[in-house]
C-alpha atoms as a PDB file:
ATOM      1  CA  MET A   1     -21.954  31.139  22.240  1.00  0.00           C
ATOM      2  CA  VAL A   2     -24.273  29.611  19.548  1.00  0.00           C
ATOM      3  CA  ILE A   3     -22.080  30.270  16.699  1.00  0.00           C
ATOM      4  CA  ARG A   4     -19.070  29.104  18.762  1.00  0.00           C
ATOM      5  CA  ALA A   5     -20.624  25.880  19.384  1.00  0.00           C
ATOM      6  CA  THR A   6     -21.681  25.580  15.717  1.00  0.00           C
ATOM      7  CA  ALA A   7     -18.039  26.359  14.525  1.00  0.00           C
ATOM      8  CA  VAL A   8     -16.639  23.699  17.377  1.00  0.00           C
ATOM      9  CA  ARG A   9     -18.991  21.016  16.011  1.00  0.00           C
ATOM     10  CA  LEU A  10     -18.318  22.046  12.172  1.00  0.00           C
ATOM     11  CA  LEU A  11     -14.803  21.804  13.069  1.00  0.00           C
ATOM     12  CA  GLY A  12     -15.259  18.158  14.686  1.00  0.00           C
ATOM     13  CA  LEU A  13     -17.382  16.931  11.615  1.00  0.00           C
ATOM     14  CA  VAL A  14     -14.223  18.115   9.367  1.00  0.00           C
ATOM     15  CA  LEU A  15     -11.754  16.421  11.509  1.00  0.00           C
ATOM     16  CA  ILE A  16     -13.567  13.225  11.390  1.00  0.00           C
ATOM     17  CA  ALA A  17     -13.911  13.335   7.730  1.00  0.00           C
ATOM     18  CA  VAL A  18     -10.393  13.734   7.267  1.00  0.00           C
ATOM     19  CA  LEU A  19      -9.606  11.103   9.392  1.00  0.00           C
ATOM     20  CA  ALA A  20     -12.002   8.397   7.797  1.00  0.00           C
ATOM     21  CA  THR A  21     -10.794   9.465   4.224  1.00  0.00           C
ATOM     22  CA  GLY A  22      -6.983   8.913   5.655  1.00  0.00           C
ATOM     23  CA  GLY A  23      -7.917   5.497   6.771  1.00  0.00           C
ATOM     24  CA  CYS A  24      -9.356   4.474   3.635  1.00  0.00           C
ATOM     25  CA  ARG A  25      -6.092   4.614   1.607  1.00  0.00           C
ATOM     26  CA  SER A  26      -5.016   1.156   0.612  1.00  0.00           C
ATOM     27  CA  ILE A  27      -1.123   0.219   0.253  1.00  0.00           C
ATOM     28  CA  PRO A  28      -0.735  -1.783  -2.935  1.00  0.00           C
ATOM     29  CA  PRO A  29       0.382  -5.555  -2.287  1.00  0.00           C
ATOM     30  CA  GLU A  30       3.985  -6.630  -2.559  1.00  0.00           C
ATOM     31  CA  PRO A  31       4.531  -7.994  -6.495  1.00  0.00           C
ATOM     32  CA  LEU A  32       5.860 -11.364  -4.707  1.00  0.00           C
ATOM     33  CA  GLN A  33       4.211 -12.853  -2.046  1.00  0.00           C
ATOM     34  CA  LEU A  34       4.602 -16.147  -0.169  1.00  0.00           C
ATOM     35  CA  GLU A  35       2.027 -17.495   2.347  1.00  0.00           C
ATOM     36  CA  ARG A  36       2.798 -21.158   3.185  1.00  0.00           C
ATOM     37  CA  ASN A  37       2.908 -23.319   0.051  1.00  0.00           C
ATOM     38  CA  MET A  38       1.362 -20.547  -2.325  1.00  0.00           C
ATOM     39  CA  LEU A  39       2.739 -17.945  -4.090  1.00  0.00           C
ATOM     40  CA  THR A  40       0.607 -14.965  -5.322  1.00  0.00           C
ATOM     41  CA  VAL A  41       2.158 -12.607  -8.002  1.00  0.00           C
ATOM     42  CA  HIS A  42       0.537  -9.353  -8.145  1.00  0.00           C
ATOM     43  CA  ASN A  43       0.674  -6.669 -11.215  1.00  0.00           C
ATOM     44  CA  THR A  44      -0.233  -3.510  -9.600  1.00  0.00           C
ATOM     45  CA  SER A  45       1.441  -1.571 -12.884  1.00  0.00           C
ATOM     46  CA  SER A  46      -0.777  -0.206 -15.416  1.00  0.00           C
ATOM     47  CA  ASN A  47       0.991  -2.594 -18.054  1.00  0.00           C
ATOM     48  CA  ASP A  48       0.492  -6.267 -18.916  1.00  0.00           C
ATOM     49  CA  TRP A  49       3.388  -8.613 -18.376  1.00  0.00           C
ATOM     50  CA  SER A  50       3.871 -11.428 -20.781  1.00  0.00           C
ATOM     51  CA  ASN A  51       6.517 -14.408 -21.086  1.00  0.00           C
ATOM     52  CA  VAL A  52       6.453 -14.339 -17.118  1.00  0.00           C
ATOM     53  CA  GLU A  53       8.977 -16.531 -15.537  1.00  0.00           C
ATOM     54  CA  VAL A  54       9.236 -16.826 -11.743  1.00  0.00           C
ATOM     55  CA  TRP A  55      12.539 -18.490 -10.343  1.00  0.00           C
ATOM     56  CA  LEU A  56      12.705 -19.877  -6.818  1.00  0.00           C
ATOM     57  CA  ASN A  57      16.629 -20.710  -5.458  1.00  0.00           C
ATOM     58  CA  THR A  58      17.497 -19.869  -8.814  1.00  0.00           C
ATOM     59  CA  TYR A  59      17.024 -23.422  -9.721  1.00  0.00           C
ATOM     60  CA  TYR A  60      12.983 -23.978 -10.033  1.00  0.00           C
ATOM     61  CA  ARG A  61      10.896 -22.352 -12.160  1.00  0.00           C
ATOM     62  CA  ILE A  62       7.111 -21.581 -13.255  1.00  0.00           C
ATOM     63  CA  THR A  63       5.911 -19.896 -16.346  1.00  0.00           C
ATOM     64  CA  THR A  64       2.808 -18.271 -17.071  1.00  0.00           C
ATOM     65  CA  PRO A  65       1.980 -16.776 -20.504  1.00  0.00           C
ATOM     66  CA  SER A  66       0.751 -13.495 -19.271  1.00  0.00           C
ATOM     67  CA  VAL A  67      -0.510 -11.550 -15.992  1.00  0.00           C
ATOM     68  CA  PRO A  68      -2.744  -8.544 -17.017  1.00  0.00           C
ATOM     69  CA  ALA A  69      -2.283  -5.024 -15.316  1.00  0.00           C
ATOM     70  CA  GLY A  70      -3.971  -4.990 -12.036  1.00  0.00           C
ATOM     71  CA  GLY A  71      -4.140  -8.956 -12.323  1.00  0.00           C
ATOM     72  CA  ARG A  72      -2.678 -11.668 -10.228  1.00  0.00           C
ATOM     73  CA  PHE A  73      -1.324 -14.925 -10.845  1.00  0.00           C
ATOM     74  CA  GLN A  74      -1.080 -17.866  -8.034  1.00  0.00           C
ATOM     75  CA  ALA A  75       0.610 -21.156  -7.975  1.00  0.00           C
ATOM     76  CA  PRO A  76       1.624 -23.746  -5.362  1.00  0.00           C
ATOM     77  CA  LEU A  77       5.333 -23.815  -4.594  1.00  0.00           C
ATOM     78  CA  ASP A  78       5.395 -27.657  -5.329  1.00  0.00           C
ATOM     79  CA  THR A  79       4.911 -26.771  -8.893  1.00  0.00           C
ATOM     80  CA  PHE A  80       8.011 -25.406  -9.382  1.00  0.00           C
ATOM     81  CA  VAL A  81      10.234 -27.796 -11.656  1.00  0.00           C
ATOM     82  CA  ALA A  82      14.017 -27.799 -12.120  1.00  0.00           C
ATOM     83  CA  GLY A  83      15.582 -28.685 -15.494  1.00  0.00           C
ATOM     84  CA  PHE A  84      15.463 -32.446 -15.034  1.00  0.00           C
ATOM     85  CA  GLY A  85      11.998 -32.545 -13.330  1.00  0.00           C
ATOM     86  CA  GLN A  86      12.602 -32.303  -9.916  1.00  0.00           C
ATOM     87  CA  ARG A  87      10.123 -30.461  -7.957  1.00  0.00           C
ATOM     88  CA  PHE A  88      10.538 -27.815  -5.161  1.00  0.00           C
ATOM     89  CA  ASP A  89       9.464 -29.715  -1.896  1.00  0.00           C
ATOM     90  CA  PHE A  90       8.065 -27.011   0.286  1.00  0.00           C
ATOM     91  CA  HIS A  91       8.404 -29.098   3.559  1.00  0.00           C
ATOM     92  CA  ARG A  92      12.086 -29.898   3.070  1.00  0.00           C
ATOM     93  CA  ALA A  93      13.672 -26.653   1.554  1.00  0.00           C
ATOM     94  CA  GLN A  94      14.220 -23.354   2.523  1.00  0.00           C
ATOM     95  CA  ILE A  95      13.430 -20.488   0.197  1.00  0.00           C
ATOM     96  CA  LYS A  96      16.607 -17.962  -0.538  1.00  0.00           C
ATOM     97  CA  ASP A  97      15.904 -16.593  -3.448  1.00  0.00           C
ATOM     98  CA  LEU A  98      12.552 -15.486  -5.591  1.00  0.00           C
ATOM     99  CA  ARG A  99      12.601 -13.351  -8.525  1.00  0.00           C
ATOM    100  CA  LEU A 100      10.289 -12.896 -11.759  1.00  0.00           C
ATOM    101  CA  THR A 101      11.361 -11.756 -15.059  1.00  0.00           C
ATOM    102  CA  ALA A 102       8.664 -10.608 -17.576  1.00  0.00           C
ATOM    103  CA  LYS A 103       8.251  -8.374 -20.820  1.00  0.00           C
ATOM    104  CA  LEU A 104       6.188  -5.288 -21.180  1.00  0.00           C
ATOM    105  CA  ALA A 105       3.923  -4.494 -24.043  1.00  0.00           C
ATOM    106  CA  ASP A 106       6.805  -2.358 -25.811  1.00  0.00           C
ATOM    107  CA  GLY A 107       9.083  -5.346 -25.181  1.00  0.00           C
ATOM    108  CA  LYS A 108      11.107  -4.010 -22.486  1.00  0.00           C
ATOM    109  CA  PRO A 109      12.022  -6.630 -19.755  1.00  0.00           C
ATOM    110  CA  ILE A 110      11.104  -6.362 -16.262  1.00  0.00           C
ATOM    111  CA  GLU A 111      12.830  -8.128 -13.296  1.00  0.00           C
ATOM    112  CA  ILE A 112      11.308  -7.991  -9.740  1.00  0.00           C
ATOM    113  CA  LYS A 113      13.436  -9.789  -6.778  1.00  0.00           C
ATOM    114  CA  LYS A 114      11.689 -10.394  -3.423  1.00  0.00           C
ATOM    115  CA  GLN A 115      13.545  -8.860  -0.507  1.00  0.00           C
ATOM    116  CA  PHE A 116      13.817 -11.266   2.515  1.00  0.00           C
ATOM    117  CA  GLU A 117      14.473 -10.329   6.051  1.00  0.00           C
ATOM    118  CA  LYS A 118      17.438 -11.818   7.575  1.00  0.00           C
ATOM    119  CA  GLY A 119      16.128 -13.842  10.235  1.00  0.00           C
ATOM    120  CA  ALA A 120      17.489 -15.780  13.461  1.00  0.00           C
ATOM    121  CA  LEU A 121      21.162 -15.629  14.060  1.00  0.00           C
ATOM    122  CA  ALA A 122      21.907 -14.112  10.672  1.00  0.00           C
ATOM    123  CA  GLY A 123      19.924 -11.000  11.554  1.00  0.00           C
ATOM    124  CA  ALA A 124      21.335 -10.745  14.839  1.00  0.00           C
ATOM    125  CA  LEU A 125      25.083 -11.300  13.848  1.00  0.00           C
ATOM    126  CA  GLY A 126      24.954  -9.072  10.800  1.00  0.00           C
ATOM    127  CA  GLY A 127      24.931 -11.922   8.197  1.00  0.00           C
ATOM    128  CA  THR A 128      26.700 -15.111   7.624  1.00  0.00           C
ATOM    129  CA  ARG A 129      30.772 -15.221   7.036  1.00  0.00           C
END
């Protein structure tokens, strides 16, 4: 009886340890995150990114020389500028496209495009026509 109770306790402790370590796994953040008027770029790769350009609605752009491996870069959306100096107006414009282009250490290009969820009627009706 004592051996069985000890085995049950040991099994319970092992189960608790397995559940506790499973809950500690972290999910890496999305590379391009939008929260209100702030863009956060997360470089979760093991490579530095250089000559980084982020394009908003294919018209507005912001640049940074680099985002180190494991690092991040943040910028308010109203710092994005178009070719003739127009600034993006977060309060009046809808974001439809967001993409990042950069170069890896070996010179290879990288492009990341944010996937947006279809909202409102576009999602319910299968898109616009």
